[in-house]
Amino acid sequence: MWGLSRHLTDEQIEGLATYYAQQQPSPNVLAAPGSIADGRSVFESGVPDKNIPACATCHGALGKGNEQFPRLAGQHADYLVKQLLVFQRTDERPEGAIMKVIAHDLTQANIAAVTSYLQGLPDN
């Protein structure tokens, strides 16, 4: 969104925020049911041997986010994978410097598991 949103006017941003705030989340199905335990572990405990903190630390125990950190619960796994790869491999997200450090050592298996788990979390 950074590339698209940086040229929006304040009025356009307000209109988009109003629109999205009025939307009701819809449930997603799990992308890879076999990896639920691994995904839950990354979300709730992180990857201790790599000093990767739990996602729940910032995004909340239910992945619903807060005023500082976005909701992860119920997001499509493909979207979450893309965001983690952006954090891992690029400097395109200047506001996400902390996530660049956190995502750096996640393996493809970690990413697949946690994003599948998050997609299946209830989002309401």
PDB file of N, CA and C in Angstrom:
ATOM      1  N   MET A   1       0.810  -1.202   0.000  1.00  0.00           N
ATOM      2  CA  MET A   1       0.000   0.000   0.000  1.00  0.00           C
ATOM      3  C   MET A   1       0.853   1.267   0.000  1.00  0.00           C
ATOM      4  N   TRP A   2       2.082   1.174   0.495  1.00  0.00           N
ATOM      5  CA  TRP A   2       2.916   2.364   0.602  1.00  0.00           C
ATOM      6  C   TRP A   2       3.012   3.082  -0.747  1.00  0.00           C
ATOM      7  N   GLY A   3       3.301   2.345  -1.807  1.00  0.00           N
ATOM      8  CA  GLY A   3       3.447   2.960  -3.116  1.00  0.00           C
ATOM      9  C   GLY A   3       2.174   3.610  -3.613  1.00  0.00           C
ATOM     10  N   LEU A   4       1.040   3.013  -3.302  1.00  0.00           N
ATOM     11  CA  LEU A   4      -0.242   3.552  -3.741  1.00  0.00           C
ATOM     12  C   LEU A   4      -0.747   4.666  -2.833  1.00  0.00           C
ATOM     13  N   SER A   5      -0.526   4.512  -1.547  1.00  0.00           N
ATOM     14  CA  SER A   5      -1.157   5.433  -0.599  1.00  0.00           C
ATOM     15  C   SER A   5      -0.394   6.730  -0.371  1.00  0.00           C
ATOM     16  N   ARG A   6       0.853   6.778  -0.729  1.00  0.00           N
ATOM     17  CA  ARG A   6       1.623   7.993  -0.423  1.00  0.00           C
ATOM     18  C   ARG A   6       1.149   9.218  -1.202  1.00  0.00           C
ATOM     19  N   HIS A   7       0.375   9.031  -2.251  1.00  0.00           N
ATOM     20  CA  HIS A   7      -0.110  10.157  -3.056  1.00  0.00           C
ATOM     21  C   HIS A   7      -1.569  10.518  -2.763  1.00  0.00           C
ATOM     22  N   LEU A   8      -2.174   9.828  -1.801  1.00  0.00           N
ATOM     23  CA  LEU A   8      -3.567  10.114  -1.478  1.00  0.00           C
ATOM     24  C   LEU A   8      -3.691  11.419  -0.696  1.00  0.00           C
ATOM     25  N   THR A   9      -4.785  12.116  -0.940  1.00  0.00           N
ATOM     26  CA  THR A   9      -5.056  13.336  -0.184  1.00  0.00           C
ATOM     27  C   THR A   9      -5.645  12.949   1.173  1.00  0.00           C
ATOM     28  N   ASP A  10      -5.674  13.887   2.094  1.00  0.00           N
ATOM     29  CA  ASP A  10      -6.267  13.630   3.402  1.00  0.00           C
ATOM     30  C   ASP A  10      -7.734  13.228   3.261  1.00  0.00           C
ATOM     31  N   GLU A  11      -8.442  13.860   2.336  1.00  0.00           N
ATOM     32  CA  GLU A  11      -9.851  13.541   2.107  1.00  0.00           C
ATOM     33  C   GLU A  11     -10.010  12.108   1.587  1.00  0.00           C
ATOM     34  N   GLN A  12      -9.137  11.693   0.685  1.00  0.00           N
ATOM     35  CA  GLN A  12      -9.205  10.331   0.162  1.00  0.00           C
ATOM     36  C   GLN A  12      -8.900   9.310   1.259  1.00  0.00           C
ATOM     37  N   ILE A  13      -7.924   9.607   2.078  1.00  0.00           N
ATOM     38  CA  ILE A  13      -7.575   8.712   3.179  1.00  0.00           C
ATOM     39  C   ILE A  13      -8.743   8.583   4.146  1.00  0.00           C
ATOM     40  N   GLU A  14      -9.371   9.699   4.475  1.00  0.00           N
ATOM     41  CA  GLU A  14     -10.515   9.681   5.379  1.00  0.00           C
ATOM     42  C   GLU A  14     -11.661   8.863   4.784  1.00  0.00           C
ATOM     43  N   GLY A  15     -11.911   9.031   3.500  1.00  0.00           N
ATOM     44  CA  GLY A  15     -12.969   8.277   2.838  1.00  0.00           C
ATOM     45  C   GLY A  15     -12.695   6.783   2.838  1.00  0.00           C
ATOM     46  N   LEU A  16     -11.457   6.397   2.554  1.00  0.00           N
ATOM     47  CA  LEU A  16     -11.090   4.979   2.584  1.00  0.00           C
ATOM     48  C   LEU A  16     -11.192   4.417   3.997  1.00  0.00           C
ATOM     49  N   ALA A  17     -10.731   5.181   4.975  1.00  0.00           N
ATOM     50  CA  ALA A  17     -10.799   4.727   6.364  1.00  0.00           C
ATOM     51  C   ALA A  17     -12.248   4.513   6.788  1.00  0.00           C
ATOM     52  N   THR A  18     -13.110   5.422   6.429  1.00  0.00           N
ATOM     53  CA  THR A  18     -14.532   5.301   6.760  1.00  0.00           C
ATOM     54  C   THR A  18     -15.124   4.066   6.105  1.00  0.00           C
ATOM     55  N   TYR A  19     -14.835   3.869   4.833  1.00  0.00           N
ATOM     56  CA  TYR A  19     -15.350   2.714   4.106  1.00  0.00           C
ATOM     57  C   TYR A  19     -14.907   1.409   4.763  1.00  0.00           C
ATOM     58  N   TYR A  20     -13.599   1.270   5.009  1.00  0.00           N
ATOM     59  CA  TYR A  20     -13.095   0.016   5.564  1.00  0.00           C
ATOM     60  C   TYR A  20     -13.532  -0.198   7.003  1.00  0.00           C
ATOM     61  N   ALA A  21     -13.709   0.870   7.768  1.00  0.00           N
ATOM     62  CA  ALA A  21     -14.172   0.735   9.150  1.00  0.00           C
ATOM     63  C   ALA A  21     -15.592   0.185   9.204  1.00  0.00           C
ATOM     64  N   GLN A  22     -16.372   0.383   8.153  1.00  0.00           N
ATOM     65  CA  GLN A  22     -17.762  -0.079   8.118  1.00  0.00           C
ATOM     66  C   GLN A  22     -17.899  -1.512   7.612  1.00  0.00           C
ATOM     67  N   GLN A  23     -16.820  -2.097   7.118  1.00  0.00           N
ATOM     68  CA  GLN A  23     -16.887  -3.451   6.577  1.00  0.00           C
ATOM     69  C   GLN A  23     -16.924  -4.476   7.695  1.00  0.00           C
ATOM     70  N   GLN A  24     -17.651  -5.558   7.473  1.00  0.00           N
ATOM     71  CA  GLN A  24     -17.719  -6.655   8.424  1.00  0.00           C
ATOM     72  C   GLN A  24     -16.757  -7.752   7.975  1.00  0.00           C
ATOM     73  N   PRO A  25     -15.908  -8.239   8.875  1.00  0.00           N
ATOM     74  CA  PRO A  25     -14.979  -9.300   8.485  1.00  0.00           C
ATOM     75  C   PRO A  25     -15.732 -10.573   8.119  1.00  0.00           C
ATOM     76  N   SER A  26     -15.211 -11.293   7.164  1.00  0.00           N
ATOM     77  CA  SER A  26     -15.805 -12.575   6.805  1.00  0.00           C
ATOM     78  C   SER A  26     -14.807 -13.681   7.151  1.00  0.00           C
ATOM     79  N   PRO A  27     -15.309 -14.823   7.590  1.00  0.00           N
ATOM     80  CA  PRO A  27     -14.401 -15.901   8.012  1.00  0.00           C
ATOM     81  C   PRO A  27     -13.645 -16.500   6.839  1.00  0.00           C
ATOM     82  N   ASN A  28     -12.438 -16.913   7.113  1.00  0.00           N
ATOM     83  CA  ASN A  28     -11.602 -17.599   6.127  1.00  0.00           C
ATOM     84  C   ASN A  28     -11.447 -19.052   6.546  1.00  0.00           C
ATOM     85  N   VAL A  29     -11.144 -19.884   5.599  1.00  0.00           N
ATOM     86  CA  VAL A  29     -10.818 -21.274   5.909  1.00  0.00           C
ATOM     87  C   VAL A  29      -9.306 -21.390   6.018  1.00  0.00           C
ATOM     88  N   LEU A  30      -8.868 -22.423   6.683  1.00  0.00           N
ATOM     89  CA  LEU A  30      -7.436 -22.627   6.842  1.00  0.00           C
ATOM     90  C   LEU A  30      -6.807 -22.995   5.506  1.00  0.00           C
ATOM     91  N   ALA A  31      -5.648 -22.400   5.229  1.00  0.00           N
ATOM     92  CA  ALA A  31      -4.956 -22.687   3.978  1.00  0.00           C
ATOM     93  C   ALA A  31      -4.246 -24.035   4.031  1.00  0.00           C
ATOM     94  N   ALA A  32      -3.674 -24.376   5.168  1.00  0.00           N
ATOM     95  CA  ALA A  32      -2.940 -25.631   5.301  1.00  0.00           C
ATOM     96  C   ALA A  32      -3.185 -26.195   6.705  1.00  0.00           C
ATOM     97  N   PRO A  33      -4.282 -26.923   6.888  1.00  0.00           N
ATOM     98  CA  PRO A  33      -4.660 -27.384   8.221  1.00  0.00           C
ATOM     99  C   PRO A  33      -3.569 -28.163   8.964  1.00  0.00           C
ATOM    100  N   GLY A  34      -2.685 -28.830   8.258  1.00  0.00           N
ATOM    101  CA  GLY A  34      -1.640 -29.618   8.900  1.00  0.00           C
ATOM    102  C   GLY A  34      -0.611 -28.804   9.664  1.00  0.00           C
ATOM    103  N   SER A  35      -0.533 -27.511   9.424  1.00  0.00           N
ATOM    104  CA  SER A  35       0.505 -26.710  10.062  1.00  0.00           C
ATOM    105  C   SER A  35      -0.014 -25.846  11.204  1.00  0.00           C
ATOM    106  N   ILE A  36      -1.219 -26.132  11.688  1.00  0.00           N
ATOM    107  CA  ILE A  36      -1.836 -25.303  12.723  1.00  0.00           C
ATOM    108  C   ILE A  36      -0.985 -25.261  13.989  1.00  0.00           C
ATOM    109  N   ALA A  37      -0.503 -26.386  14.454  1.00  0.00           N
ATOM    110  CA  ALA A  37       0.286 -26.413  15.694  1.00  0.00           C
ATOM    111  C   ALA A  37       1.564 -25.598  15.535  1.00  0.00           C
ATOM    112  N   ASP A  38       2.246 -25.754  14.401  1.00  0.00           N
ATOM    113  CA  ASP A  38       3.480 -24.986  14.167  1.00  0.00           C
ATOM    114  C   ASP A  38       3.181 -23.496  14.074  1.00  0.00           C
ATOM    115  N   GLY A  39       2.106 -23.148  13.382  1.00  0.00           N
ATOM    116  CA  GLY A  39       1.734 -21.744  13.245  1.00  0.00           C
ATOM    117  C   GLY A  39       1.345 -21.123  14.567  1.00  0.00           C
ATOM    118  N   ARG A  40       0.591 -21.863  15.351  1.00  0.00           N
ATOM    119  CA  ARG A  40       0.201 -21.375  16.681  1.00  0.00           C
ATOM    120  C   ARG A  40       1.451 -21.156  17.535  1.00  0.00           C
ATOM    121  N   SER A  41       2.403 -22.054  17.431  1.00  0.00           N
ATOM    122  CA  SER A  41       3.634 -21.925  18.204  1.00  0.00           C
ATOM    123  C   SER A  41       4.391 -20.646  17.836  1.00  0.00           C
ATOM    124  N   VAL A  42       4.539 -20.366  16.541  1.00  0.00           N
ATOM    125  CA  VAL A  42       5.212 -19.138  16.113  1.00  0.00           C
ATOM    126  C   VAL A  42       4.429 -17.925  16.596  1.00  0.00           C
ATOM    127  N   PHE A  43       3.113 -17.956  16.459  1.00  0.00           N
ATOM    128  CA  PHE A  43       2.284 -16.825  16.864  1.00  0.00           C
ATOM    129  C   PHE A  43       2.358 -16.588  18.374  1.00  0.00           C
ATOM    130  N   GLU A  44       2.228 -17.655  19.162  1.00  0.00           N
ATOM    131  CA  GLU A  44       2.150 -17.507  20.611  1.00  0.00           C
ATOM    132  C   GLU A  44       3.502 -17.474  21.314  1.00  0.00           C
ATOM    133  N   SER A  45       4.513 -18.156  20.750  1.00  0.00           N
ATOM    134  CA  SER A  45       5.807 -18.268  21.431  1.00  0.00           C
ATOM    135  C   SER A  45       6.975 -17.720  20.638  1.00  0.00           C
ATOM    136  N   GLY A  46       6.769 -17.420  19.364  1.00  0.00           N
ATOM    137  CA  GLY A  46       7.867 -16.969  18.527  1.00  0.00           C
ATOM    138  C   GLY A  46       8.765 -18.141  18.149  1.00  0.00           C
ATOM    139  N   VAL A  47       9.994 -17.827  17.811  1.00  0.00           N
ATOM    140  CA  VAL A  47      10.999 -18.851  17.502  1.00  0.00           C
ATOM    141  C   VAL A  47      12.179 -18.560  18.429  1.00  0.00           C
ATOM    142  N   PRO A  48      12.115 -19.103  19.652  1.00  0.00           N
ATOM    143  CA  PRO A  48      13.097 -18.750  20.672  1.00  0.00           C
ATOM    144  C   PRO A  48      14.553 -18.973  20.272  1.00  0.00           C
ATOM    145  N   ASP A  49      14.841 -20.066  19.545  1.00  0.00           N
ATOM    146  CA  ASP A  49      16.239 -20.330  19.190  1.00  0.00           C
ATOM    147  C   ASP A  49      16.802 -19.309  18.205  1.00  0.00           C
ATOM    148  N   LYS A  50      15.934 -18.502  17.602  1.00  0.00           N
ATOM    149  CA  LYS A  50      16.387 -17.441  16.688  1.00  0.00           C
ATOM    150  C   LYS A  50      16.077 -16.053  17.266  1.00  0.00           C
ATOM    151  N   ASN A  51      15.658 -16.023  18.524  1.00  0.00           N
ATOM    152  CA  ASN A  51      15.296 -14.766  19.201  1.00  0.00           C
ATOM    153  C   ASN A  51      14.190 -14.001  18.482  1.00  0.00           C
ATOM    154  N   ILE A  52      13.277 -14.738  17.871  1.00  0.00           N
ATOM    155  CA  ILE A  52      12.127 -14.121  17.200  1.00  0.00           C
ATOM    156  C   ILE A  52      10.974 -14.107  18.201  1.00  0.00           C
ATOM    157  N   PRO A  53      10.476 -12.919  18.551  1.00  0.00           N
ATOM    158  CA  PRO A  53       9.399 -12.847  19.540  1.00  0.00           C
ATOM    159  C   PRO A  53       8.065 -13.337  18.973  1.00  0.00           C
ATOM    160  N   ALA A  54       7.169 -13.640  19.873  1.00  0.00           N
ATOM    161  CA  ALA A  54       5.825 -14.066  19.492  1.00  0.00           C
ATOM    162  C   ALA A  54       5.083 -12.931  18.806  1.00  0.00           C
ATOM    163  N   CYS A  55       4.344 -13.256  17.768  1.00  0.00           N
ATOM    164  CA  CYS A  55       3.511 -12.264  17.074  1.00  0.00           C
ATOM    165  C   CYS A  55       2.502 -11.661  18.043  1.00  0.00           C
ATOM    166  N   ALA A  56       1.994 -12.516  18.957  1.00  0.00           N
ATOM    167  CA  ALA A  56       0.973 -12.090  19.905  1.00  0.00           C
ATOM    168  C   ALA A  56       1.467 -10.974  20.821  1.00  0.00           C
ATOM    169  N   THR A  57       2.765 -10.866  21.004  1.00  0.00           N
ATOM    170  CA  THR A  57       3.312  -9.823  21.869  1.00  0.00           C
ATOM    171  C   THR A  57       2.839  -8.442  21.439  1.00  0.00           C
ATOM    172  N   CYS A  58       2.860  -8.173  20.156  1.00  0.00           N
ATOM    173  CA  CYS A  58       2.461  -6.853  19.638  1.00  0.00           C
ATOM    174  C   CYS A  58       1.047  -6.850  19.052  1.00  0.00           C
ATOM    175  N   HIS A  59       0.682  -7.936  18.386  1.00  0.00           N
ATOM    176  CA  HIS A  59      -0.590  -7.978  17.659  1.00  0.00           C
ATOM    177  C   HIS A  59      -1.746  -8.490  18.506  1.00  0.00           C
ATOM    178  N   GLY A  60      -1.473  -8.842  19.767  1.00  0.00           N
ATOM    179  CA  GLY A  60      -2.511  -9.281  20.684  1.00  0.00           C
ATOM    180  C   GLY A  60      -2.695 -10.785  20.686  1.00  0.00           C
ATOM    181  N   ALA A  61      -3.165 -11.298  21.814  1.00  0.00           N
ATOM    182  CA  ALA A  61      -3.324 -12.741  22.005  1.00  0.00           C
ATOM    183  C   ALA A  61      -4.260 -13.374  20.978  1.00  0.00           C
ATOM    184  N   LEU A  62      -5.194 -12.583  20.449  1.00  0.00           N
ATOM    185  CA  LEU A  62      -6.129 -13.098  19.447  1.00  0.00           C
ATOM    186  C   LEU A  62      -5.825 -12.580  18.051  1.00  0.00           C
ATOM    187  N   GLY A  63      -4.703 -11.856  17.914  1.00  0.00           N
ATOM    188  CA  GLY A  63      -4.305 -11.338  16.607  1.00  0.00           C
ATOM    189  C   GLY A  63      -5.169 -10.206  16.097  1.00  0.00           C
ATOM    190  N   LYS A  64      -5.892  -9.542  16.992  1.00  0.00           N
ATOM    191  CA  LYS A  64      -6.815  -8.494  16.561  1.00  0.00           C
ATOM    192  C   LYS A  64      -6.169  -7.122  16.460  1.00  0.00           C
ATOM    193  N   GLY A  65      -4.880  -7.020  16.791  1.00  0.00           N
ATOM    194  CA  GLY A  65      -4.188  -5.748  16.660  1.00  0.00           C
ATOM    195  C   GLY A  65      -4.633  -4.739  17.693  1.00  0.00           C
ATOM    196  N   ASN A  66      -4.170  -3.520  17.508  1.00  0.00           N
ATOM    197  CA  ASN A  66      -4.510  -2.412  18.391  1.00  0.00           C
ATOM    198  C   ASN A  66      -4.221  -1.116  17.651  1.00  0.00           C
ATOM    199  N   GLU A  67      -4.138  -0.025  18.342  1.00  0.00           N
ATOM    200  CA  GLU A  67      -3.924   1.259  17.666  1.00  0.00           C
ATOM    201  C   GLU A  67      -2.550   1.356  17.011  1.00  0.00           C
ATOM    202  N   GLN A  68      -1.579   0.580  17.489  1.00  0.00           N
ATOM    203  CA  GLN A  68      -0.229   0.644  16.936  1.00  0.00           C
ATOM    204  C   GLN A  68       0.070  -0.458  15.937  1.00  0.00           C
ATOM    205  N   PHE A  69      -0.499  -1.630  16.147  1.00  0.00           N
ATOM    206  CA  PHE A  69      -0.157  -2.791  15.332  1.00  0.00           C
ATOM    207  C   PHE A  69      -1.406  -3.343  14.651  1.00  0.00           C
ATOM    208  N   PRO A  70      -1.287  -3.751  13.393  1.00  0.00           N
ATOM    209  CA  PRO A  70      -2.473  -4.174  12.632  1.00  0.00           C
ATOM    210  C   PRO A  70      -3.026  -5.532  13.048  1.00  0.00           C
ATOM    211  N   ARG A  71      -4.291  -5.721  12.707  1.00  0.00           N
ATOM    212  CA  ARG A  71      -4.975  -7.001  12.882  1.00  0.00           C
ATOM    213  C   ARG A  71      -4.315  -8.025  11.958  1.00  0.00           C
ATOM    214  N   LEU A  72      -4.090  -9.203  12.486  1.00  0.00           N
ATOM    215  CA  LEU A  72      -3.593 -10.315  11.679  1.00  0.00           C
ATOM    216  C   LEU A  72      -4.645 -11.408  11.542  1.00  0.00           C
ATOM    217  N   ALA A  73      -5.503 -11.535  12.540  1.00  0.00           N
ATOM    218  CA  ALA A  73      -6.522 -12.578  12.554  1.00  0.00           C
ATOM    219  C   ALA A  73      -7.418 -12.471  11.335  1.00  0.00           C
ATOM    220  N   GLY A  74      -7.553 -13.595  10.633  1.00  0.00           N
ATOM    221  CA  GLY A  74      -8.465 -13.650   9.505  1.00  0.00           C
ATOM    222  C   GLY A  74      -7.931 -13.071   8.202  1.00  0.00           C
ATOM    223  N   GLN A  75      -6.722 -12.531   8.224  1.00  0.00           N
ATOM    224  CA  GLN A  75      -6.141 -12.022   6.972  1.00  0.00           C
ATOM    225  C   GLN A  75      -5.808 -13.206   6.066  1.00  0.00           C
ATOM    226  N   HIS A  76      -5.889 -13.016   4.784  1.00  0.00           N
ATOM    227  CA  HIS A  76      -5.541 -14.082   3.846  1.00  0.00           C
ATOM    228  C   HIS A  76      -4.064 -14.432   3.979  1.00  0.00           C
ATOM    229  N   ALA A  77      -3.781 -15.714   3.999  1.00  0.00           N
ATOM    230  CA  ALA A  77      -2.401 -16.184   4.160  1.00  0.00           C
ATOM    231  C   ALA A  77      -1.496 -15.622   3.069  1.00  0.00           C
ATOM    232  N   ASP A  78      -1.963 -15.585   1.820  1.00  0.00           N
ATOM    233  CA  ASP A  78      -1.128 -15.071   0.726  1.00  0.00           C
ATOM    234  C   ASP A  78      -0.716 -13.628   0.973  1.00  0.00           C
ATOM    235  N   TYR A  79      -1.632 -12.824   1.491  1.00  0.00           N
ATOM    236  CA  TYR A  79      -1.330 -11.423   1.791  1.00  0.00           C
ATOM    237  C   TYR A  79      -0.283 -11.346   2.898  1.00  0.00           C
ATOM    238  N   LEU A  80      -0.463 -12.136   3.959  1.00  0.00           N
ATOM    239  CA  LEU A  80       0.486 -12.114   5.063  1.00  0.00           C
ATOM    240  C   LEU A  80       1.873 -12.592   4.632  1.00  0.00           C
ATOM    241  N   VAL A  81       1.920 -13.627   3.791  1.00  0.00           N
ATOM    242  CA  VAL A  81       3.209 -14.104   3.270  1.00  0.00           C
ATOM    243  C   VAL A  81       3.909 -12.972   2.523  1.00  0.00           C
ATOM    244  N   LYS A  82       3.167 -12.321   1.655  1.00  0.00           N
ATOM    245  CA  LYS A  82       3.758 -11.228   0.870  1.00  0.00           C
ATOM    246  C   LYS A  82       4.312 -10.135   1.785  1.00  0.00           C
ATOM    247  N   GLN A  83       3.555  -9.766   2.803  1.00  0.00           N
ATOM    248  CA  GLN A  83       4.012  -8.716   3.711  1.00  0.00           C
ATOM    249  C   GLN A  83       5.271  -9.140   4.459  1.00  0.00           C
ATOM    250  N   LEU A  84       5.322 -10.377   4.931  1.00  0.00           N
ATOM    251  CA  LEU A  84       6.510 -10.849   5.638  1.00  0.00           C
ATOM    252  C   LEU A  84       7.725 -10.879   4.715  1.00  0.00           C
ATOM    253  N   LEU A  85       7.516 -11.266   3.464  1.00  0.00           N
ATOM    254  CA  LEU A  85       8.631 -11.274   2.504  1.00  0.00           C
ATOM    255  C   LEU A  85       9.105  -9.854   2.197  1.00  0.00           C
ATOM    256  N   VAL A  86       8.176  -8.919   2.121  1.00  0.00           N
ATOM    257  CA  VAL A  86       8.560  -7.516   1.919  1.00  0.00           C
ATOM    258  C   VAL A  86       9.400  -7.051   3.100  1.00  0.00           C
ATOM    259  N   PHE A  87       8.968  -7.370   4.307  1.00  0.00           N
ATOM    260  CA  PHE A  87       9.753  -6.987   5.484  1.00  0.00           C
ATOM    261  C   PHE A  87      11.121  -7.654   5.470  1.00  0.00           C
ATOM    262  N   GLN A  88      11.167  -8.905   5.057  1.00  0.00           N
ATOM    263  CA  GLN A  88      12.412  -9.667   5.058  1.00  0.00           C
ATOM    264  C   GLN A  88      13.422  -9.162   4.036  1.00  0.00           C
ATOM    265  N   ARG A  89      12.958  -8.853   2.867  1.00  0.00           N
ATOM    266  CA  ARG A  89      13.871  -8.686   1.729  1.00  0.00           C
ATOM    267  C   ARG A  89      14.043  -7.278   1.203  1.00  0.00           C
ATOM    268  N   THR A  90      13.289  -6.323   1.689  1.00  0.00           N
ATOM    269  CA  THR A  90      13.377  -4.994   1.094  1.00  0.00           C
ATOM    270  C   THR A  90      13.358  -3.902   2.146  1.00  0.00           C
ATOM    271  N   ASP A  91      13.584  -2.705   1.691  1.00  0.00           N
ATOM    272  CA  ASP A  91      13.474  -1.524   2.543  1.00  0.00           C
ATOM    273  C   ASP A  91      12.281  -0.683   2.116  1.00  0.00           C
ATOM    274  N   GLU A  92      11.285  -1.316   1.472  1.00  0.00           N
ATOM    275  CA  GLU A  92      10.114  -0.598   0.968  1.00  0.00           C
ATOM    276  C   GLU A  92       9.170  -0.134   2.060  1.00  0.00           C
ATOM    277  N   ARG A  93       9.309  -0.650   3.259  1.00  0.00           N
ATOM    278  CA  ARG A  93       8.385  -0.332   4.336  1.00  0.00           C
ATOM    279  C   ARG A  93       9.094   0.452   5.425  1.00  0.00           C
ATOM    280  N   PRO A  94       9.300   1.748   5.233  1.00  0.00           N
ATOM    281  CA  PRO A  94      10.037   2.522   6.229  1.00  0.00           C
ATOM    282  C   PRO A  94       9.375   2.524   7.603  1.00  0.00           C
ATOM    283  N   GLU A  95       8.055   2.401   7.642  1.00  0.00           N
ATOM    284  CA  GLU A  95       7.348   2.384   8.922  1.00  0.00           C
ATOM    285  C   GLU A  95       7.456   1.026   9.608  1.00  0.00           C
ATOM    286  N   GLY A  96       7.965   0.030   8.909  1.00  0.00           N
ATOM    287  CA  GLY A  96       8.004  -1.319   9.456  1.00  0.00           C
ATOM    288  C   GLY A  96       9.381  -1.790   9.842  1.00  0.00           C
ATOM    289  N   ALA A  97      10.234  -0.894  10.273  1.00  0.00           N
ATOM    290  CA  ALA A  97      11.611  -1.265  10.590  1.00  0.00           C
ATOM    291  C   ALA A  97      11.684  -2.378  11.627  1.00  0.00           C
ATOM    292  N   ILE A  98      10.821  -2.350  12.623  1.00  0.00           N
ATOM    293  CA  ILE A  98      10.859  -3.398  13.645  1.00  0.00           C
ATOM    294  C   ILE A  98      10.513  -4.760  13.049  1.00  0.00           C
ATOM    295  N   MET A  99       9.577  -4.801  12.115  1.00  0.00           N
ATOM    296  CA  MET A  99       9.202  -6.066  11.492  1.00  0.00           C
ATOM    297  C   MET A  99      10.309  -6.590  10.583  1.00  0.00           C
ATOM    298  N   LYS A 100      11.099  -5.732  10.011  1.00  0.00           N
ATOM    299  CA  LYS A 100      12.220  -6.179   9.188  1.00  0.00           C
ATOM    300  C   LYS A 100      13.166  -7.021  10.030  1.00  0.00           C
ATOM    301  N   VAL A 101      13.445  -6.569  11.238  1.00  0.00           N
ATOM    302  CA  VAL A 101      14.328  -7.299  12.143  1.00  0.00           C
ATOM    303  C   VAL A 101      13.681  -8.611  12.579  1.00  0.00           C
ATOM    304  N   ILE A 102      12.396  -8.566  12.915  1.00  0.00           N
ATOM    305  CA  ILE A 102      11.695  -9.762  13.386  1.00  0.00           C
ATOM    306  C   ILE A 102      11.564 -10.791  12.265  1.00  0.00           C
ATOM    307  N   ALA A 103      11.199 -10.360  11.079  1.00  0.00           N
ATOM    308  CA  ALA A 103      10.943 -11.282   9.968  1.00  0.00           C
ATOM    309  C   ALA A 103      12.221 -11.844   9.345  1.00  0.00           C
ATOM    310  N   HIS A 104      13.332 -11.183   9.562  1.00  0.00           N
ATOM    311  CA  HIS A 104      14.582 -11.537   8.879  1.00  0.00           C
ATOM    312  C   HIS A 104      14.928 -13.020   8.964  1.00  0.00           C
ATOM    313  N   ASP A 105      14.797 -13.620  10.133  1.00  0.00           N
ATOM    314  CA  ASP A 105      15.219 -15.010  10.311  1.00  0.00           C
ATOM    315  C   ASP A 105      14.088 -16.030  10.244  1.00  0.00           C
ATOM    316  N   LEU A 106      12.883 -15.588   9.887  1.00  0.00           N
ATOM    317  CA  LEU A 106      11.802 -16.558   9.704  1.00  0.00           C
ATOM    318  C   LEU A 106      12.100 -17.412   8.478  1.00  0.00           C
ATOM    319  N   THR A 107      11.910 -18.721   8.606  1.00  0.00           N
ATOM    320  CA  THR A 107      12.086 -19.614   7.467  1.00  0.00           C
ATOM    321  C   THR A 107      10.805 -19.641   6.639  1.00  0.00           C
ATOM    322  N   GLN A 108      10.890 -20.208   5.449  1.00  0.00           N
ATOM    323  CA  GLN A 108       9.684 -20.365   4.636  1.00  0.00           C
ATOM    324  C   GLN A 108       8.655 -21.212   5.377  1.00  0.00           C
ATOM    325  N   ALA A 109       9.118 -22.230   6.091  1.00  0.00           N
ATOM    326  CA  ALA A 109       8.205 -23.087   6.850  1.00  0.00           C
ATOM    327  C   ALA A 109       7.539 -22.299   7.979  1.00  0.00           C
ATOM    328  N   ASN A 110       8.309 -21.452   8.687  1.00  0.00           N
ATOM    329  CA  ASN A 110       7.721 -20.603   9.736  1.00  0.00           C
ATOM    330  C   ASN A 110       6.638 -19.718   9.152  1.00  0.00           C
ATOM    331  N   ILE A 111       6.951 -19.084   8.034  1.00  0.00           N
ATOM    332  CA  ILE A 111       6.027 -18.153   7.395  1.00  0.00           C
ATOM    333  C   ILE A 111       4.761 -18.869   6.935  1.00  0.00           C
ATOM    334  N   ALA A 112       4.927 -20.015   6.286  1.00  0.00           N
ATOM    335  CA  ALA A 112       3.758 -20.770   5.813  1.00  0.00           C
ATOM    336  C   ALA A 112       2.880 -21.193   6.979  1.00  0.00           C
ATOM    337  N   ALA A 113       3.497 -21.653   8.056  1.00  0.00           N
ATOM    338  CA  ALA A 113       2.729 -22.131   9.203  1.00  0.00           C
ATOM    339  C   ALA A 113       1.981 -20.993   9.897  1.00  0.00           C
ATOM    340  N   VAL A 114       2.683 -19.906  10.192  1.00  0.00           N
ATOM    341  CA  VAL A 114       2.040 -18.830  10.953  1.00  0.00           C
ATOM    342  C   VAL A 114       0.976 -18.121  10.127  1.00  0.00           C
ATOM    343  N   THR A 115       1.197 -17.972   8.837  1.00  0.00           N
ATOM    344  CA  THR A 115       0.186 -17.296   8.014  1.00  0.00           C
ATOM    345  C   THR A 115      -1.049 -18.169   7.828  1.00  0.00           C
ATOM    346  N   SER A 116      -0.857 -19.475   7.731  1.00  0.00           N
ATOM    347  CA  SER A 116      -1.998 -20.389   7.647  1.00  0.00           C
ATOM    348  C   SER A 116      -2.793 -20.335   8.944  1.00  0.00           C
ATOM    349  N   TYR A 117      -2.078 -20.346  10.059  1.00  0.00           N
ATOM    350  CA  TYR A 117      -2.734 -20.262  11.362  1.00  0.00           C
ATOM    351  C   TYR A 117      -3.530 -18.970  11.493  1.00  0.00           C
ATOM    352  N   LEU A 118      -2.910 -17.863  11.124  1.00  0.00           N
ATOM    353  CA  LEU A 118      -3.577 -16.554  11.233  1.00  0.00           C
ATOM    354  C   LEU A 118      -4.792 -16.457  10.337  1.00  0.00           C
ATOM    355  N   GLN A 119      -4.713 -17.015   9.139  1.00  0.00           N
ATOM    356  CA  GLN A 119      -5.867 -16.968   8.233  1.00  0.00           C
ATOM    357  C   GLN A 119      -7.060 -17.672   8.866  1.00  0.00           C
ATOM    358  N   GLY A 120      -6.821 -18.692   9.636  1.00  0.00           N
ATOM    359  CA  GLY A 120      -7.915 -19.443  10.238  1.00  0.00           C
ATOM    360  C   GLY A 120      -8.411 -18.889  11.560  1.00  0.00           C
ATOM    361  N   LEU A 121      -7.720 -17.902  12.130  1.00  0.00           N
ATOM    362  CA  LEU A 121      -8.185 -17.328  13.385  1.00  0.00           C
ATOM    363  C   LEU A 121      -9.486 -16.573  13.178  1.00  0.00           C
ATOM    364  N   PRO A 122     -10.398 -16.725  14.109  1.00  0.00           N
ATOM    365  CA  PRO A 122     -11.624 -15.929  14.007  1.00  0.00           C
ATOM    366  C   PRO A 122     -11.274 -14.447  14.032  1.00  0.00           C
ATOM    367  N   ASP A 123     -11.895 -13.676  13.166  1.00  0.00           N
ATOM    368  CA  ASP A 123     -11.540 -12.270  13.061  1.00  0.00           C
ATOM    369  C   ASP A 123     -12.610 -11.357  13.652  1.00  0.00           C
ATOM    370  N   ASN A 124     -13.470 -11.890  14.444  1.00  0.00           N
ATOM    371  CA  ASN A 124     -14.462 -11.018  15.097  1.00  0.00           C
ATOM    372  C   ASN A 124     -14.677 -11.443  16.513  1.00  0.00           C
TER     373      ASN A 124
END
